[in-house]
Amino acid sequence: MANSLVSIQILPKAKNGEDVIPYVDQAISVIHASGLNYEVHPLETTVEGDLSEILPLIEKVNEEMVEKGASNVISQIKVLYQPSGASMDSLTEKYR
């Protein structure tokens, strides 16, 4: 079982005020390619897995934003680290 949930919101600084949605789409594509379980929400994306897998993924997302043309990126993250196991379903099942 995964030991962490990490939510990430990226805020890339785009050139000349261009739309940031293509950057967000690229970030989600990188997360998808990781093979980790994730859910996209309106203001952030939550990834489920081992912290040792997720933290390098966050680094990769930031690097991809710069490669795409962002001059910098602010990444706001929230981390639940629970060695006994953590899952999105266990935290939200009573609301479904």
N, C-alpha and C. Protein backbone atom coordinates (compact mmCIF):
# COMPACT_ATOMS: atom_id res chain seq x y z
N MET A 1 0.84 -1.19 0.00
CA MET A 1 0.00 0.00 0.00
C MET A 1 0.88 1.24 0.00
N ALA A 2 0.43 2.27 -0.67
CA ALA A 2 1.14 3.55 -0.73
C ALA A 2 1.26 4.16 0.66
N ASN A 3 2.33 4.92 0.88
CA ASN A 3 2.49 5.55 2.18
C ASN A 3 2.25 7.06 2.16
N SER A 4 1.88 7.60 1.00
CA SER A 4 1.73 9.06 0.91
C SER A 4 0.66 9.50 -0.07
N LEU A 5 0.09 10.64 0.26
CA LEU A 5 -0.74 11.41 -0.67
C LEU A 5 -0.08 12.77 -0.77
N VAL A 6 0.12 13.22 -1.99
CA VAL A 6 0.71 14.54 -2.21
C VAL A 6 -0.16 15.29 -3.21
N SER A 7 -0.60 16.47 -2.81
CA SER A 7 -1.35 17.34 -3.72
C SER A 7 -0.41 18.42 -4.20
N ILE A 8 -0.46 18.69 -5.50
CA ILE A 8 0.40 19.71 -6.08
C ILE A 8 -0.42 20.68 -6.92
N GLN A 9 -0.13 21.95 -6.73
CA GLN A 9 -0.69 23.01 -7.57
C GLN A 9 0.52 23.73 -8.16
N ILE A 10 0.57 23.81 -9.47
CA ILE A 10 1.69 24.51 -10.11
C ILE A 10 1.24 25.88 -10.58
N LEU A 11 2.15 26.83 -10.45
CA LEU A 11 1.91 28.20 -10.90
C LEU A 11 3.10 28.62 -11.75
N PRO A 12 3.10 28.23 -13.04
CA PRO A 12 4.21 28.60 -13.90
C PRO A 12 4.12 30.07 -14.32
N LYS A 13 5.27 30.71 -14.42
CA LYS A 13 5.31 32.07 -14.94
C LYS A 13 5.46 31.98 -16.45
N ALA A 14 4.35 32.22 -17.15
CA ALA A 14 4.34 32.10 -18.60
C ALA A 14 4.83 33.40 -19.24
N LYS A 15 5.30 33.29 -20.46
CA LYS A 15 5.80 34.45 -21.20
C LYS A 15 4.67 35.39 -21.59
N ASN A 16 4.89 36.66 -21.43
CA ASN A 16 3.98 37.70 -21.91
C ASN A 16 2.51 37.46 -21.54
N GLY A 17 2.27 36.93 -20.37
CA GLY A 17 0.90 36.73 -19.92
C GLY A 17 0.13 35.67 -20.66
N GLU A 18 0.83 34.76 -21.34
CA GLU A 18 0.12 33.71 -22.08
C GLU A 18 -0.63 32.80 -21.12
N ASP A 19 -1.59 32.07 -21.64
CA ASP A 19 -2.42 31.16 -20.87
C ASP A 19 -1.57 30.06 -20.24
N VAL A 20 -1.82 29.76 -18.98
CA VAL A 20 -1.04 28.72 -18.30
C VAL A 20 -1.67 27.33 -18.42
N ILE A 21 -2.87 27.23 -18.97
CA ILE A 21 -3.53 25.93 -19.07
C ILE A 21 -2.70 24.90 -19.85
N PRO A 22 -2.04 25.27 -20.95
CA PRO A 22 -1.19 24.27 -21.61
C PRO A 22 -0.07 23.75 -20.70
N TYR A 23 0.42 24.58 -19.81
CA TYR A 23 1.43 24.14 -18.85
C TYR A 23 0.81 23.13 -17.87
N VAL A 24 -0.36 23.45 -17.39
CA VAL A 24 -1.06 22.55 -16.47
C VAL A 24 -1.34 21.21 -17.16
N ASP A 25 -1.78 21.27 -18.40
CA ASP A 25 -2.02 20.04 -19.16
C ASP A 25 -0.74 19.20 -19.26
N GLN A 26 0.39 19.86 -19.49
CA GLN A 26 1.67 19.16 -19.59
C GLN A 26 2.04 18.55 -18.24
N ALA A 27 1.82 19.27 -17.16
CA ALA A 27 2.12 18.75 -15.82
C ALA A 27 1.30 17.49 -15.54
N ILE A 28 0.03 17.53 -15.88
CA ILE A 28 -0.84 16.37 -15.67
C ILE A 28 -0.38 15.21 -16.55
N SER A 29 0.08 15.50 -17.74
CA SER A 29 0.60 14.46 -18.63
C SER A 29 1.82 13.77 -18.01
N VAL A 30 2.68 14.54 -17.40
CA VAL A 30 3.86 13.98 -16.73
C VAL A 30 3.43 13.09 -15.57
N ILE A 31 2.47 13.55 -14.80
CA ILE A 31 1.95 12.76 -13.68
C ILE A 31 1.32 11.47 -14.20
N HIS A 32 0.54 11.57 -15.25
CA HIS A 32 -0.10 10.39 -15.85
C HIS A 32 0.95 9.36 -16.29
N ALA A 33 2.00 9.85 -16.93
CA ALA A 33 3.05 8.96 -17.44
C ALA A 33 3.81 8.25 -16.32
N SER A 34 3.72 8.77 -15.11
CA SER A 34 4.43 8.14 -13.98
C SER A 34 3.84 6.79 -13.62
N GLY A 35 2.56 6.58 -13.97
CA GLY A 35 1.90 5.34 -13.63
C GLY A 35 1.33 5.31 -12.22
N LEU A 36 1.54 6.39 -11.46
CA LEU A 36 0.99 6.47 -10.11
C LEU A 36 -0.50 6.81 -10.17
N ASN A 37 -1.23 6.41 -9.15
CA ASN A 37 -2.64 6.75 -9.05
C ASN A 37 -2.75 8.24 -8.75
N TYR A 38 -3.66 8.92 -9.43
CA TYR A 38 -3.83 10.36 -9.21
C TYR A 38 -5.26 10.77 -9.52
N GLU A 39 -5.64 11.92 -9.00
CA GLU A 39 -6.93 12.53 -9.31
C GLU A 39 -6.71 14.01 -9.57
N VAL A 40 -7.31 14.50 -10.64
CA VAL A 40 -7.25 15.91 -10.98
C VAL A 40 -8.45 16.60 -10.34
N HIS A 41 -8.18 17.68 -9.63
CA HIS A 41 -9.23 18.49 -9.01
C HIS A 41 -9.12 19.91 -9.58
N PRO A 42 -10.09 20.76 -9.34
CA PRO A 42 -10.07 22.08 -9.97
C PRO A 42 -8.83 22.93 -9.65
N LEU A 43 -8.28 22.81 -8.46
CA LEU A 43 -7.17 23.67 -8.08
C LEU A 43 -5.86 22.94 -7.82
N GLU A 44 -5.88 21.62 -7.88
CA GLU A 44 -4.67 20.84 -7.63
C GLU A 44 -4.89 19.40 -8.10
N THR A 45 -3.80 18.68 -8.17
CA THR A 45 -3.84 17.26 -8.50
C THR A 45 -3.24 16.49 -7.34
N THR A 46 -3.92 15.42 -6.93
CA THR A 46 -3.44 14.60 -5.82
C THR A 46 -2.87 13.29 -6.38
N VAL A 47 -1.68 12.95 -5.91
CA VAL A 47 -0.98 11.74 -6.34
C VAL A 47 -0.84 10.82 -5.13
N GLU A 48 -1.06 9.53 -5.37
CA GLU A 48 -0.98 8.51 -4.33
C GLU A 48 0.19 7.59 -4.66
N GLY A 49 1.06 7.37 -3.69
CA GLY A 49 2.20 6.48 -3.91
C GLY A 49 3.17 6.56 -2.76
N ASP A 50 4.35 6.05 -2.97
CA ASP A 50 5.39 6.18 -1.95
C ASP A 50 6.07 7.53 -2.12
N LEU A 51 6.36 8.14 -0.99
CA LEU A 51 6.97 9.48 -1.02
C LEU A 51 8.25 9.48 -1.85
N SER A 52 8.99 8.38 -1.80
CA SER A 52 10.24 8.29 -2.56
C SER A 52 10.00 8.30 -4.07
N GLU A 53 8.77 8.01 -4.52
CA GLU A 53 8.42 8.08 -5.94
C GLU A 53 7.83 9.45 -6.29
N ILE A 54 7.10 10.02 -5.36
CA ILE A 54 6.36 11.25 -5.65
C ILE A 54 7.26 12.48 -5.66
N LEU A 55 8.20 12.56 -4.73
CA LEU A 55 9.05 13.76 -4.69
C LEU A 55 9.88 13.93 -5.97
N PRO A 56 10.48 12.87 -6.53
CA PRO A 56 11.15 13.05 -7.83
C PRO A 56 10.17 13.42 -8.95
N LEU A 57 8.94 12.95 -8.85
CA LEU A 57 7.93 13.31 -9.84
C LEU A 57 7.65 14.81 -9.79
N ILE A 58 7.56 15.37 -8.61
CA ILE A 58 7.34 16.82 -8.48
C ILE A 58 8.51 17.59 -9.10
N GLU A 59 9.72 17.10 -8.88
CA GLU A 59 10.89 17.71 -9.50
C GLU A 59 10.78 17.66 -11.02
N LYS A 60 10.37 16.52 -11.54
CA LYS A 60 10.22 16.36 -13.00
C LYS A 60 9.15 17.30 -13.55
N VAL A 61 8.03 17.44 -12.85
CA VAL A 61 6.98 18.36 -13.29
C VAL A 61 7.53 19.78 -13.39
N ASN A 62 8.28 20.21 -12.39
CA ASN A 62 8.86 21.55 -12.42
C ASN A 62 9.83 21.72 -13.58
N GLU A 63 10.66 20.73 -13.80
CA GLU A 63 11.62 20.79 -14.91
C GLU A 63 10.90 20.87 -16.25
N GLU A 64 9.82 20.12 -16.40
CA GLU A 64 9.04 20.15 -17.65
C GLU A 64 8.44 21.53 -17.91
N MET A 65 8.03 22.22 -16.86
CA MET A 65 7.45 23.55 -17.03
C MET A 65 8.48 24.52 -17.58
N VAL A 66 9.71 24.43 -17.08
CA VAL A 66 10.78 25.29 -17.57
C VAL A 66 11.14 24.91 -19.00
N GLU A 67 11.21 23.62 -19.28
CA GLU A 67 11.49 23.18 -20.65
C GLU A 67 10.42 23.65 -21.62
N LYS A 68 9.19 23.76 -21.15
CA LYS A 68 8.08 24.22 -21.99
C LYS A 68 8.13 25.73 -22.21
N GLY A 69 8.93 26.44 -21.40
CA GLY A 69 9.08 27.88 -21.61
C GLY A 69 8.79 28.76 -20.41
N ALA A 70 8.35 28.19 -19.31
CA ALA A 70 8.12 29.01 -18.12
C ALA A 70 9.46 29.50 -17.58
N SER A 71 9.51 30.75 -17.14
CA SER A 71 10.76 31.26 -16.59
C SER A 71 10.98 30.76 -15.17
N ASN A 72 9.89 30.47 -14.47
CA ASN A 72 9.98 29.86 -13.15
C ASN A 72 8.64 29.22 -12.82
N VAL A 73 8.63 28.46 -11.73
CA VAL A 73 7.42 27.75 -11.32
C VAL A 73 7.32 27.79 -9.81
N ILE A 74 6.16 28.14 -9.31
CA ILE A 74 5.87 27.97 -7.90
C ILE A 74 5.03 26.70 -7.80
N SER A 75 5.46 25.78 -6.95
CA SER A 75 4.70 24.55 -6.72
C SER A 75 4.26 24.54 -5.26
N GLN A 76 2.98 24.57 -5.08
CA GLN A 76 2.44 24.46 -3.72
C GLN A 76 2.07 23.00 -3.52
N ILE A 77 2.64 22.40 -2.48
CA ILE A 77 2.37 20.99 -2.24
C ILE A 77 1.88 20.76 -0.82
N LYS A 78 1.05 19.74 -0.69
CA LYS A 78 0.59 19.26 0.61
C LYS A 78 0.94 17.79 0.66
N VAL A 79 1.49 17.36 1.78
CA VAL A 79 1.94 15.98 1.90
C VAL A 79 1.30 15.31 3.11
N LEU A 80 0.71 14.16 2.87
CA LEU A 80 0.31 13.26 3.95
C LEU A 80 1.24 12.07 3.85
N TYR A 81 2.08 11.90 4.86
CA TYR A 81 2.98 10.75 4.93
C TYR A 81 2.50 9.88 6.07
N GLN A 82 2.14 8.65 5.75
CA GLN A 82 1.57 7.75 6.74
C GLN A 82 2.14 6.35 6.47
N PRO A 83 3.21 5.99 7.18
CA PRO A 83 3.87 4.71 6.90
C PRO A 83 2.95 3.50 6.93
N SER A 84 1.87 3.55 7.70
CA SER A 84 0.95 2.42 7.77
C SER A 84 0.07 2.31 6.53
N GLY A 85 0.10 3.32 5.68
CA GLY A 85 -0.66 3.29 4.44
C GLY A 85 -1.57 4.50 4.31
N ALA A 86 -1.68 5.01 3.10
CA ALA A 86 -2.51 6.17 2.81
C ALA A 86 -3.15 5.97 1.45
N SER A 87 -4.44 6.31 1.37
CA SER A 87 -5.10 6.25 0.07
C SER A 87 -6.16 7.34 -0.01
N MET A 88 -6.41 7.80 -1.21
CA MET A 88 -7.45 8.80 -1.42
C MET A 88 -8.80 8.24 -1.04
N ASP A 89 -9.05 6.98 -1.41
CA ASP A 89 -10.34 6.37 -1.11
C ASP A 89 -10.62 6.30 0.39
N SER A 90 -9.61 5.95 1.18
CA SER A 90 -9.84 5.84 2.62
C SER A 90 -10.18 7.17 3.25
N LEU A 91 -9.71 8.25 2.67
CA LEU A 91 -9.99 9.58 3.24
C LEU A 91 -11.30 10.18 2.75
N THR A 92 -11.78 9.70 1.60
CA THR A 92 -12.96 10.34 1.01
C THR A 92 -14.17 9.42 0.86
N GLU A 93 -14.03 8.14 1.21
CA GLU A 93 -15.13 7.20 0.94
C GLU A 93 -16.44 7.59 1.58
N LYS A 94 -16.43 8.21 2.74
CA LYS A 94 -17.69 8.56 3.39
C LYS A 94 -18.43 9.69 2.66
N TYR A 95 -17.75 10.37 1.74
CA TYR A 95 -18.38 11.45 0.97
C TYR A 95 -18.89 10.98 -0.38
N ARG A 96 -18.69 9.75 -0.71
CA ARG A 96 -19.08 9.23 -2.04
C ARG A 96 -20.35 8.42 -1.93
